[in-house]
PDB file of N, CA and C in Angstrom:
ATOM      1  N   MET A   1      11.749  -7.627   4.302  1.00  0.00           N
ATOM      2  CA  MET A   1      10.660  -6.909   3.973  1.00  0.00           C
ATOM      3  C   MET A   1       9.111  -7.453   4.330  1.00  0.00           C
ATOM      4  N   ASP A   2       8.183  -6.912   4.840  1.00  0.00           N
ATOM      5  CA  ASP A   2       7.025  -7.454   4.821  1.00  0.00           C
ATOM      6  C   ASP A   2       6.338  -7.639   3.734  1.00  0.00           C
ATOM      7  N   ASP A   3       5.663  -8.908   3.252  1.00  0.00           N
ATOM      8  CA  ASP A   3       4.944  -8.910   2.146  1.00  0.00           C
ATOM      9  C   ASP A   3       3.637  -9.455   2.483  1.00  0.00           C
ATOM     10  N   THR A   4       3.117  -9.238   3.839  1.00  0.00           N
ATOM     11  CA  THR A   4       1.794  -9.614   3.617  1.00  0.00           C
ATOM     12  C   THR A   4       0.731  -8.369   3.278  1.00  0.00           C
ATOM     13  N   CYS A   5      -0.115  -8.698   2.857  1.00  0.00           N
ATOM     14  CA  CYS A   5      -0.994  -7.570   1.727  1.00  0.00           C
ATOM     15  C   CYS A   5      -2.182  -7.306   2.759  1.00  0.00           C
ATOM     16  N   CYS A   6      -2.715  -6.432   2.356  1.00  0.00           N
ATOM     17  CA  CYS A   6      -4.022  -5.523   3.360  1.00  0.00           C
ATOM     18  C   CYS A   6      -4.775  -4.999   2.387  1.00  0.00           C
ATOM     19  N   VAL A   7      -6.187  -4.600   2.404  1.00  0.00           N
ATOM     20  CA  VAL A   7      -6.950  -3.612   2.077  1.00  0.00           C
ATOM     21  C   VAL A   7      -7.026  -2.472   2.495  1.00  0.00           C
ATOM     22  N   VAL A   8      -6.944  -1.677   1.653  1.00  0.00           N
ATOM     23  CA  VAL A   8      -7.024   0.120   2.086  1.00  0.00           C
ATOM     24  C   VAL A   8      -8.659   0.251   1.833  1.00  0.00           C
ATOM     25  N   MET A   9      -9.038   0.905   2.392  1.00  0.00           N
ATOM     26  CA  MET A   9     -10.168   1.530   2.351  1.00  0.00           C
ATOM     27  C   MET A   9     -10.698   2.847   2.559  1.00  0.00           C
ATOM     28  N   VAL A  10     -10.972   3.658   1.181  1.00  0.00           N
ATOM     29  CA  VAL A  10     -11.446   5.053   0.968  1.00  0.00           C
ATOM     30  C   VAL A  10     -12.581   5.366   0.520  1.00  0.00           C
ATOM     31  N   THR A  11     -12.965   5.930   1.155  1.00  0.00           N
ATOM     32  CA  THR A  11     -14.029   6.573   0.868  1.00  0.00           C
ATOM     33  C   THR A  11     -14.201   7.975   0.036  1.00  0.00           C
ATOM     34  N   VAL A  12     -14.666   8.162  -1.188  1.00  0.00           N
ATOM     35  CA  VAL A  12     -14.981   9.839  -2.021  1.00  0.00           C
ATOM     36  C   VAL A  12     -16.215  10.019  -2.115  1.00  0.00           C
ATOM     37  N   GLY A  13     -16.276  11.265  -2.485  1.00  0.00           N
ATOM     38  CA  GLY A  13     -17.889  11.876  -2.381  1.00  0.00           C
ATOM     39  C   GLY A  13     -18.180  11.739  -3.987  1.00  0.00           C
ATOM     40  N   ASP A  14     -17.218  11.754  -5.233  1.00  0.00           N
ATOM     41  CA  ASP A  14     -17.719  11.931  -6.477  1.00  0.00           C
ATOM     42  C   ASP A  14     -17.218  10.341  -7.404  1.00  0.00           C
ATOM     43  N   PRO A  15     -18.047   9.812  -8.361  1.00  0.00           N
ATOM     44  CA  PRO A  15     -17.587   9.171  -9.415  1.00  0.00           C
ATOM     45  C   PRO A  15     -16.314   9.242  -9.848  1.00  0.00           C
ATOM     46  N   ASP A  16     -16.475  10.399 -10.707  1.00  0.00           N
ATOM     47  CA  ASP A  16     -15.396  11.011 -11.166  1.00  0.00           C
ATOM     48  C   ASP A  16     -13.812  10.922 -10.660  1.00  0.00           C
ATOM     49  N   GLU A  17     -13.627  11.291  -9.441  1.00  0.00           N
ATOM     50  CA  GLU A  17     -12.682  11.284  -8.330  1.00  0.00           C
ATOM     51  C   GLU A  17     -12.434   9.605  -8.218  1.00  0.00           C
ATOM     52  N   ALA A  18     -13.290   9.057  -7.686  1.00  0.00           N
ATOM     53  CA  ALA A  18     -13.273   7.480  -7.517  1.00  0.00           C
ATOM     54  C   ALA A  18     -12.353   6.862  -8.586  1.00  0.00           C
ATOM     55  N   GLN A  19     -12.788   7.302 -10.117  1.00  0.00           N
ATOM     56  CA  GLN A  19     -12.208   7.007 -11.021  1.00  0.00           C
ATOM     57  C   GLN A  19     -10.964   7.423 -11.245  1.00  0.00           C
ATOM     58  N   ARG A  20     -10.715   8.422 -10.755  1.00  0.00           N
ATOM     59  CA  ARG A  20      -9.121   9.193 -10.947  1.00  0.00           C
ATOM     60  C   ARG A  20      -8.069   8.483 -10.024  1.00  0.00           C
ATOM     61  N   ILE A  21      -8.857   8.428  -8.675  1.00  0.00           N
ATOM     62  CA  ILE A  21      -8.029   8.012  -7.486  1.00  0.00           C
ATOM     63  C   ILE A  21      -7.400   6.148  -7.852  1.00  0.00           C
ATOM     64  N   ALA A  22      -8.553   5.247  -8.211  1.00  0.00           N
ATOM     65  CA  ALA A  22      -8.274   4.608  -8.788  1.00  0.00           C
ATOM     66  C   ALA A  22      -7.361   4.095  -9.477  1.00  0.00           C
ATOM     67  N   SER A  23      -7.276   4.847 -10.602  1.00  0.00           N
ATOM     68  CA  SER A  23      -6.283   4.612 -12.057  1.00  0.00           C
ATOM     69  C   SER A  23      -5.002   5.046 -11.835  1.00  0.00           C
ATOM     70  N   ASP A  24      -5.069   6.386 -10.905  1.00  0.00           N
ATOM     71  CA  ASP A  24      -4.030   6.662 -10.660  1.00  0.00           C
ATOM     72  C   ASP A  24      -2.773   6.116 -10.029  1.00  0.00           C
ATOM     73  N   VAL A  25      -3.471   5.472  -8.590  1.00  0.00           N
ATOM     74  CA  VAL A  25      -2.744   4.153  -8.071  1.00  0.00           C
ATOM     75  C   VAL A  25      -2.644   3.321  -8.393  1.00  0.00           C
ATOM     76  N   VAL A  26      -3.286   2.738  -9.063  1.00  0.00           N
ATOM     77  CA  VAL A  26      -3.086   1.500  -9.885  1.00  0.00           C
ATOM     78  C   VAL A  26      -2.158   1.282 -10.747  1.00  0.00           C
ATOM     79  N   LYS A  27      -1.774   2.737 -11.881  1.00  0.00           N
ATOM     80  CA  LYS A  27      -0.877   3.319 -12.897  1.00  0.00           C
ATOM     81  C   LYS A  27       0.774   3.104 -12.147  1.00  0.00           C
ATOM     82  N   GLU A  28       0.441   3.681 -11.136  1.00  0.00           N
ATOM     83  CA  GLU A  28       1.620   4.091 -10.059  1.00  0.00           C
ATOM     84  C   GLU A  28       1.937   2.740  -9.393  1.00  0.00           C
ATOM     85  N   HIS A  29       1.911   1.626  -9.767  1.00  0.00           N
ATOM     86  CA  HIS A  29       2.041   0.564  -8.536  1.00  0.00           C
ATOM     87  C   HIS A  29       1.624   0.538  -7.663  1.00  0.00           C
ATOM     88  N   LEU A  30       1.164   1.332  -7.074  1.00  0.00           N
ATOM     89  CA  LEU A  30       0.908   1.395  -5.418  1.00  0.00           C
ATOM     90  C   LEU A  30      -0.066   0.503  -4.856  1.00  0.00           C
ATOM     91  N   ALA A  31      -1.365   0.164  -5.833  1.00  0.00           N
ATOM     92  CA  ALA A  31      -2.295  -0.810  -6.037  1.00  0.00           C
ATOM     93  C   ALA A  31      -2.370  -2.020  -6.896  1.00  0.00           C
ATOM     94  N   ALA A  32      -2.918  -3.099  -6.791  1.00  0.00           N
ATOM     95  CA  ALA A  32      -2.915  -4.062  -7.587  1.00  0.00           C
ATOM     96  C   ALA A  32      -4.372  -3.969  -8.000  1.00  0.00           C
ATOM     97  N   CYS A  33      -5.271  -3.272  -7.507  1.00  0.00           N
ATOM     98  CA  CYS A  33      -6.617  -3.434  -7.558  1.00  0.00           C
ATOM     99  C   CYS A  33      -7.590  -2.550  -6.687  1.00  0.00           C
ATOM    100  N   CYS A  34      -8.358  -2.113  -7.701  1.00  0.00           N
ATOM    101  CA  CYS A  34      -9.116  -1.158  -6.617  1.00  0.00           C
ATOM    102  C   CYS A  34     -10.683  -1.437  -7.177  1.00  0.00           C
ATOM    103  N   ASN A  35     -11.189  -1.987  -6.223  1.00  0.00           N
ATOM    104  CA  ASN A  35     -12.541  -1.590  -6.441  1.00  0.00           C
ATOM    105  C   ASN A  35     -13.453  -0.912  -6.139  1.00  0.00           C
ATOM    106  N   MET A  36     -14.175  -0.060  -7.067  1.00  0.00           N
ATOM    107  CA  MET A  36     -15.197   1.372  -7.019  1.00  0.00           C
ATOM    108  C   MET A  36     -16.772   0.355  -6.651  1.00  0.00           C
ATOM    109  N   ILE A  37     -17.040   0.609  -4.993  1.00  0.00           N
ATOM    110  CA  ILE A  37     -18.601   0.167  -4.808  1.00  0.00           C
ATOM    111  C   ILE A  37     -19.162   1.643  -4.476  1.00  0.00           C
ATOM    112  N   PRO A  38     -20.271   1.184  -5.231  1.00  0.00           N
ATOM    113  CA  PRO A  38     -21.158   2.853  -5.395  1.00  0.00           C
ATOM    114  C   PRO A  38     -22.501   2.621  -4.301  1.00  0.00           C
ATOM    115  N   GLY A  39     -22.827   4.132  -4.179  1.00  0.00           N
ATOM    116  CA  GLY A  39     -23.999   3.891  -3.141  1.00  0.00           C
ATOM    117  C   GLY A  39     -23.981   3.452  -2.015  1.00  0.00           C
ATOM    118  N   VAL A  40     -22.493   4.177  -1.280  1.00  0.00           N
ATOM    119  CA  VAL A  40     -22.299   3.594  -0.126  1.00  0.00           C
ATOM    120  C   VAL A  40     -23.066   4.802   0.466  1.00  0.00           C
ATOM    121  N   SER A  41     -23.921   4.670   1.739  1.00  0.00           N
ATOM    122  CA  SER A  41     -24.753   5.972   2.695  1.00  0.00           C
ATOM    123  C   SER A  41     -23.661   5.588   3.965  1.00  0.00           C
ATOM    124  N   SER A  42     -23.363   6.979   4.053  1.00  0.00           N
ATOM    125  CA  SER A  42     -22.136   7.282   5.128  1.00  0.00           C
ATOM    126  C   SER A  42     -23.180   8.264   6.382  1.00  0.00           C
ATOM    127  N   VAL A  43     -22.984   7.981   7.412  1.00  0.00           N
ATOM    128  CA  VAL A  43     -23.190   8.765   8.790  1.00  0.00           C
ATOM    129  C   VAL A  43     -22.306   9.169   9.536  1.00  0.00           C
ATOM    130  N   PHE A  44     -21.947  10.575   9.779  1.00  0.00           N
ATOM    131  CA  PHE A  44     -20.768  10.624  10.412  1.00  0.00           C
ATOM    132  C   PHE A  44     -20.707  11.963  11.164  1.00  0.00           C
ATOM    133  N   ARG A  45     -20.097  12.176  12.161  1.00  0.00           N
ATOM    134  CA  ARG A  45     -19.977  13.937  12.758  1.00  0.00           C
ATOM    135  C   ARG A  45     -19.046  14.587  12.106  1.00  0.00           C
ATOM    136  N   TRP A  46     -19.135  15.657  11.667  1.00  0.00           N
ATOM    137  CA  TRP A  46     -17.833  16.375  11.159  1.00  0.00           C
ATOM    138  C   TRP A  46     -18.288  17.822  11.893  1.00  0.00           C
ATOM    139  N   GLN A  47     -17.374  18.412  12.140  1.00  0.00           N
ATOM    140  CA  GLN A  47     -17.408  19.748  12.353  1.00  0.00           C
ATOM    141  C   GLN A  47     -18.739  19.896  13.176  1.00  0.00           C
ATOM    142  N   GLY A  48     -18.947  19.251  14.419  1.00  0.00           N
ATOM    143  CA  GLY A  48     -20.239  19.383  15.324  1.00  0.00           C
ATOM    144  C   GLY A  48     -21.598  18.884  14.886  1.00  0.00           C
ATOM    145  N   GLN A  49     -21.552  18.765  13.737  1.00  0.00           N
ATOM    146  CA  GLN A  49     -22.712  18.378  13.062  1.00  0.00           C
ATOM    147  C   GLN A  49     -22.790  16.822  12.346  1.00  0.00           C
ATOM    148  N   VAL A  50     -23.816  16.354  12.528  1.00  0.00           N
ATOM    149  CA  VAL A  50     -24.098  14.962  11.838  1.00  0.00           C
ATOM    150  C   VAL A  50     -24.660  14.685  10.468  1.00  0.00           C
ATOM    151  N   CYS A  51     -23.724  14.327   9.754  1.00  0.00           N
ATOM    152  CA  CYS A  51     -23.974  14.505   8.325  1.00  0.00           C
ATOM    153  C   CYS A  51     -24.099  13.242   7.375  1.00  0.00           C
ATOM    154  N   ARG A  52     -24.869  12.997   6.616  1.00  0.00           N
ATOM    155  CA  ARG A  52     -25.591  11.878   5.787  1.00  0.00           C
ATOM    156  C   ARG A  52     -25.315  12.260   4.545  1.00  0.00           C
ATOM    157  N   GLU A  53     -24.211  11.296   3.858  1.00  0.00           N
ATOM    158  CA  GLU A  53     -23.806  11.400   2.461  1.00  0.00           C
ATOM    159  C   GLU A  53     -23.688  10.520   1.716  1.00  0.00           C
ATOM    160  N   LYS A  54     -24.054  10.224   0.523  1.00  0.00           N
ATOM    161  CA  LYS A  54     -23.952   8.910  -0.281  1.00  0.00           C
ATOM    162  C   LYS A  54     -22.190   9.141  -0.865  1.00  0.00           C
ATOM    163  N   GLU A  55     -21.570   8.203  -1.113  1.00  0.00           N
ATOM    164  CA  GLU A  55     -20.429   8.080  -1.131  1.00  0.00           C
ATOM    165  C   GLU A  55     -20.141   6.914  -2.190  1.00  0.00           C
ATOM    166  N   ILE A  56     -18.577   6.491  -2.629  1.00  0.00           N
ATOM    167  CA  ILE A  56     -18.413   5.273  -3.229  1.00  0.00           C
ATOM    168  C   ILE A  56     -16.960   4.795  -2.481  1.00  0.00           C
ATOM    169  N   LEU A  57     -16.890   3.479  -1.982  1.00  0.00           N
ATOM    170  CA  LEU A  57     -15.716   3.249  -0.982  1.00  0.00           C
ATOM    171  C   LEU A  57     -15.177   2.547  -2.587  1.00  0.00           C
ATOM    172  N   LEU A  58     -13.939   2.831  -1.666  1.00  0.00           N
ATOM    173  CA  LEU A  58     -12.814   2.394  -3.268  1.00  0.00           C
ATOM    174  C   LEU A  58     -11.716   0.957  -1.934  1.00  0.00           C
ATOM    175  N   LEU A  59     -11.878   0.111  -2.200  1.00  0.00           N
ATOM    176  CA  LEU A  59     -10.967  -0.934  -1.798  1.00  0.00           C
ATOM    177  C   LEU A  59      -9.824  -1.787  -2.603  1.00  0.00           C
ATOM    178  N   MET A  60      -8.698  -1.043  -1.842  1.00  0.00           N
ATOM    179  CA  MET A  60      -7.804  -1.127  -2.908  1.00  0.00           C
ATOM    180  C   MET A  60      -6.845  -2.536  -2.110  1.00  0.00           C
ATOM    181  N   LYS A  61      -5.879  -3.459  -3.015  1.00  0.00           N
ATOM    182  CA  LYS A  61      -5.286  -4.456  -2.364  1.00  0.00           C
ATOM    183  C   LYS A  61      -4.210  -4.322  -2.986  1.00  0.00           C
ATOM    184  N   THR A  62      -3.154  -4.103  -1.540  1.00  0.00           N
ATOM    185  CA  THR A  62      -1.808  -4.001  -1.724  1.00  0.00           C
ATOM    186  C   THR A  62      -1.014  -4.655  -0.291  1.00  0.00           C
ATOM    187  N   PRO A  63       0.647  -4.426  -1.192  1.00  0.00           N
ATOM    188  CA  PRO A  63       1.535  -5.224   0.309  1.00  0.00           C
ATOM    189  C   PRO A  63       1.228  -4.016   1.764  1.00  0.00           C
ATOM    190  N   ARG A  64       1.565  -4.762   2.648  1.00  0.00           N
ATOM    191  CA  ARG A  64       1.375  -3.766   3.812  1.00  0.00           C
ATOM    192  C   ARG A  64       2.595  -3.190   3.546  1.00  0.00           C
ATOM    193  N   ALA A  65       3.681  -3.160   2.653  1.00  0.00           N
ATOM    194  CA  ALA A  65       4.723  -2.401   2.984  1.00  0.00           C
ATOM    195  C   ALA A  65       4.477  -1.318   1.949  1.00  0.00           C
ATOM    196  N   LYS A  66       3.441  -1.047   1.201  1.00  0.00           N
ATOM    197  CA  LYS A  66       3.335  -0.253   0.253  1.00  0.00           C
ATOM    198  C   LYS A  66       1.992   1.152   0.536  1.00  0.00           C
ATOM    199  N   PHE A  67       1.546   0.773   1.956  1.00  0.00           N
ATOM    200  CA  PHE A  67       0.590   1.070   2.511  1.00  0.00           C
ATOM    201  C   PHE A  67       0.834   2.824   2.882  1.00  0.00           C
ATOM    202  N   GLU A  68       2.326   3.002   3.154  1.00  0.00           N
ATOM    203  CA  GLU A  68       2.166   4.456   3.312  1.00  0.00           C
ATOM    204  C   GLU A  68       2.641   5.022   2.042  1.00  0.00           C
ATOM    205  N   ALA A  69       3.238   4.769   1.077  1.00  0.00           N
ATOM    206  CA  ALA A  69       3.329   5.278  -0.323  1.00  0.00           C
ATOM    207  C   ALA A  69       1.956   5.546  -0.854  1.00  0.00           C
ATOM    208  N   LEU A  70       1.021   4.710  -0.505  1.00  0.00           N
ATOM    209  CA  LEU A  70      -0.328   4.412  -0.932  1.00  0.00           C
ATOM    210  C   LEU A  70      -0.896   5.672  -0.109  1.00  0.00           C
ATOM    211  N   ARG A  71      -1.217   5.600   1.077  1.00  0.00           N
ATOM    212  CA  ARG A  71      -1.773   6.516   1.501  1.00  0.00           C
ATOM    213  C   ARG A  71      -1.328   8.114   1.336  1.00  0.00           C
ATOM    214  N   GLN A  72      -0.283   8.294   1.039  1.00  0.00           N
ATOM    215  CA  GLN A  72       0.354   9.722   1.063  1.00  0.00           C
ATOM    216  C   GLN A  72      -0.348   9.949  -0.596  1.00  0.00           C
ATOM    217  N   ARG A  73       0.062   8.961  -1.237  1.00  0.00           N
ATOM    218  CA  ARG A  73      -0.670   9.893  -2.570  1.00  0.00           C
ATOM    219  C   ARG A  73      -2.048   9.755  -2.493  1.00  0.00           C
ATOM    220  N   VAL A  74      -3.028   9.203  -1.830  1.00  0.00           N
ATOM    221  CA  VAL A  74      -4.424   8.582  -1.927  1.00  0.00           C
ATOM    222  C   VAL A  74      -4.727  10.683  -1.127  1.00  0.00           C
ATOM    223  N   LEU A  75      -3.864  10.980   0.124  1.00  0.00           N
ATOM    224  CA  LEU A  75      -3.885  12.583   0.275  1.00  0.00           C
ATOM    225  C   LEU A  75      -3.387  13.550  -0.694  1.00  0.00           C
ATOM    226  N   GLU A  76      -2.757  13.327  -1.891  1.00  0.00           N
ATOM    227  CA  GLU A  76      -2.287  14.444  -2.770  1.00  0.00           C
ATOM    228  C   GLU A  76      -3.944  14.211  -3.411  1.00  0.00           C
ATOM    229  N   LEU A  77      -4.348  13.008  -3.917  1.00  0.00           N
ATOM    230  CA  LEU A  77      -5.234  13.289  -4.639  1.00  0.00           C
ATOM    231  C   LEU A  77      -6.708  13.576  -4.565  1.00  0.00           C
ATOM    232  N   HIS A  78      -7.003  13.333  -2.765  1.00  0.00           N
ATOM    233  CA  HIS A  78      -8.635  13.535  -2.640  1.00  0.00           C
ATOM    234  C   HIS A  78      -8.574  14.198  -2.209  1.00  0.00           C
ATOM    235  N   SER A  79      -9.995  14.841  -2.447  1.00  0.00           N
ATOM    236  CA  SER A  79     -10.189  16.296  -1.710  1.00  0.00           C
ATOM    237  C   SER A  79     -11.053  16.758  -0.654  1.00  0.00           C
ATOM    238  N   TYR A  80     -11.354  15.549  -0.164  1.00  0.00           N
ATOM    239  CA  TYR A  80     -11.609  15.801   1.936  1.00  0.00           C
ATOM    240  C   TYR A  80     -10.470  16.148   2.293  1.00  0.00           C
ATOM    241  N   ASP A  81     -10.729  17.116   3.089  1.00  0.00           N
ATOM    242  CA  ASP A  81     -10.088  17.489   4.095  1.00  0.00           C
ATOM    243  C   ASP A  81      -9.376  16.216   4.893  1.00  0.00           C
ATOM    244  N   VAL A  82      -9.976  14.976   5.469  1.00  0.00           N
ATOM    245  CA  VAL A  82      -9.753  14.527   6.500  1.00  0.00           C
ATOM    246  C   VAL A  82     -10.210  13.183   5.468  1.00  0.00           C
ATOM    247  N   PRO A  83      -9.431  12.802   4.553  1.00  0.00           N
ATOM    248  CA  PRO A  83     -10.143  11.353   4.009  1.00  0.00           C
ATOM    249  C   PRO A  83     -10.181   9.976   5.097  1.00  0.00           C
ATOM    250  N   GLU A  84     -11.074   9.642   4.250  1.00  0.00           N
ATOM    251  CA  GLU A  84     -10.355   8.148   5.088  1.00  0.00           C
ATOM    252  C   GLU A  84      -9.509   7.240   4.813  1.00  0.00           C
ATOM    253  N   VAL A  85      -8.427   6.712   5.055  1.00  0.00           N
ATOM    254  CA  VAL A  85      -7.654   5.726   4.630  1.00  0.00           C
ATOM    255  C   VAL A  85      -7.116   5.259   5.320  1.00  0.00           C
ATOM    256  N   ILE A  86      -7.986   3.859   5.178  1.00  0.00           N
ATOM    257  CA  ILE A  86      -7.618   2.462   6.447  1.00  0.00           C
ATOM    258  C   ILE A  86      -7.262   1.149   5.841  1.00  0.00           C
ATOM    259  N   ALA A  87      -6.206   0.437   6.297  1.00  0.00           N
ATOM    260  CA  ALA A  87      -5.644  -0.634   6.227  1.00  0.00           C
ATOM    261  C   ALA A  87      -6.164  -1.464   7.089  1.00  0.00           C
ATOM    262  N   LEU A  88      -6.596  -3.133   6.196  1.00  0.00           N
ATOM    263  CA  LEU A  88      -7.320  -3.963   6.962  1.00  0.00           C
ATOM    264  C   LEU A  88      -6.128  -4.748   6.965  1.00  0.00           C
ATOM    265  N   PRO A  89      -5.678  -5.835   7.581  1.00  0.00           N
ATOM    266  CA  PRO A  89      -4.829  -7.244   7.037  1.00  0.00           C
ATOM    267  C   PRO A  89      -5.720  -7.919   6.191  1.00  0.00           C
ATOM    268  N   ILE A  90      -4.959  -8.857   5.493  1.00  0.00           N
ATOM    269  CA  ILE A  90      -5.567  -9.917   4.873  1.00  0.00           C
ATOM    270  C   ILE A  90      -4.750 -10.988   5.435  1.00  0.00           C
ATOM    271  N   GLU A  91      -5.567 -11.668   6.452  1.00  0.00           N
ATOM    272  CA  GLU A  91      -5.384 -12.917   7.016  1.00  0.00           C
ATOM    273  C   GLU A  91      -4.820 -14.076   6.517  1.00  0.00           C
ATOM    274  N   LYS A  92      -5.793 -14.515   5.393  1.00  0.00           N
ATOM    275  CA  LYS A  92      -5.893 -15.383   4.665  1.00  0.00           C
ATOM    276  C   LYS A  92      -6.907 -14.783   3.636  1.00  0.00           C
ATOM    277  N   GLY A  93      -6.220 -15.965   2.353  1.00  0.00           N
ATOM    278  CA  GLY A  93      -6.826 -15.765   0.930  1.00  0.00           C
ATOM    279  C   GLY A  93      -6.016 -16.568   0.008  1.00  0.00           C
ATOM    280  N   HIS A  94      -6.669 -16.301  -0.977  1.00  0.00           N
ATOM    281  CA  HIS A  94      -5.973 -17.391  -2.478  1.00  0.00           C
ATOM    282  C   HIS A  94      -4.316 -16.826  -2.738  1.00  0.00           C
ATOM    283  N   THR A  95      -3.731 -18.056  -2.167  1.00  0.00           N
ATOM    284  CA  THR A  95      -2.329 -17.751  -2.857  1.00  0.00           C
ATOM    285  C   THR A  95      -1.973 -17.010  -3.970  1.00  0.00           C
ATOM    286  N   PRO A  96      -2.547 -17.682  -5.201  1.00  0.00           N
ATOM    287  CA  PRO A  96      -1.965 -17.198  -6.206  1.00  0.00           C
ATOM    288  C   PRO A  96      -2.537 -15.604  -6.550  1.00  0.00           C
ATOM    289  N   TYR A  97      -3.614 -14.942  -5.774  1.00  0.00           N
ATOM    290  CA  TYR A  97      -4.087 -14.145  -6.325  1.00  0.00           C
ATOM    291  C   TYR A  97      -3.346 -12.887  -5.272  1.00  0.00           C
ATOM    292  N   LEU A  98      -3.256 -13.397  -4.270  1.00  0.00           N
ATOM    293  CA  LEU A  98      -2.149 -12.371  -3.450  1.00  0.00           C
ATOM    294  C   LEU A  98      -0.813 -12.552  -3.991  1.00  0.00           C
ATOM    295  N   ASP A  99      -0.557 -13.578  -4.380  1.00  0.00           N
ATOM    296  CA  ASP A  99       0.814 -13.924  -4.874  1.00  0.00           C
ATOM    297  C   ASP A  99       1.088 -12.417  -6.393  1.00  0.00           C
ATOM    298  N   TRP A 100      -0.419 -12.340  -7.192  1.00  0.00           N
ATOM    299  CA  TRP A 100      -0.257 -11.281  -8.300  1.00  0.00           C
ATOM    300  C   TRP A 100      -0.361  -9.968  -7.391  1.00  0.00           C
ATOM    301  N   VAL A 101      -0.905  -9.626  -6.339  1.00  0.00           N
ATOM    302  CA  VAL A 101      -1.078  -8.520  -6.172  1.00  0.00           C
ATOM    303  C   VAL A 101       0.471  -8.058  -5.535  1.00  0.00           C
ATOM    304  N   ARG A 102       1.501  -8.705  -5.105  1.00  0.00           N
ATOM    305  CA  ARG A 102       2.923  -8.297  -4.826  1.00  0.00           C
ATOM    306  C   ARG A 102       3.314  -8.250  -5.975  1.00  0.00           C
ATOM    307  N   VAL A 103       3.248  -8.906  -7.167  1.00  0.00           N
ATOM    308  CA  VAL A 103       4.342  -8.621  -8.822  1.00  0.00           C
ATOM    309  C   VAL A 103       3.372  -7.345  -9.105  1.00  0.00           C
ATOM    310  N   GLU A 104       2.158  -7.152  -9.173  1.00  0.00           N
ATOM    311  CA  GLU A 104       1.703  -6.180  -9.711  1.00  0.00           C
ATOM    312  C   GLU A 104       2.281  -5.071  -8.769  1.00  0.00           C
ATOM    313  N   THR A 105       2.542  -4.546  -7.762  1.00  0.00           N
ATOM    314  CA  THR A 105       2.708  -2.907  -6.667  1.00  0.00           C
ATOM    315  C   THR A 105       4.299  -3.377  -7.235  1.00  0.00           C
ATOM    316  N   ASN A 106       5.117  -4.448  -7.510  1.00  0.00           N
ATOM    317  CA  ASN A 106       6.760  -4.163  -7.776  1.00  0.00           C
ATOM    318  C   ASN A 106       6.752  -4.344  -9.192  1.00  0.00           C
ATOM    319  N   PRO A 107       6.777  -2.581  -9.968  1.00  0.00           N
ATOM    320  CA  PRO A 107       7.177  -3.304 -11.316  1.00  0.00           C
ATOM    321  C   PRO A 107       8.719  -3.587 -11.525  1.00  0.00           C
TER     322      PRO A 107
END
């Protein structure tokens, strides 16, 4: 089993939704930790229009093997039609922290 960890980035438009998604994925052991970074300014093209929105960026830490389950749960909880759910590999990190991520996502 691949125990490489990753950071999953998810943007949301509402602080309550950010809290709910973060709490649920941590309670369900799909992510060990979820940082919520408010005040992100996003510029993107959606349905032929250039949009500018204030969003909250969620940074979720999880083993790569948990990504698909985490992605599916985020899709169930998220209000966007096409939410951002992107996994970035953690190339190197503090071993005790990464061990903690693995423990917390395997109850």
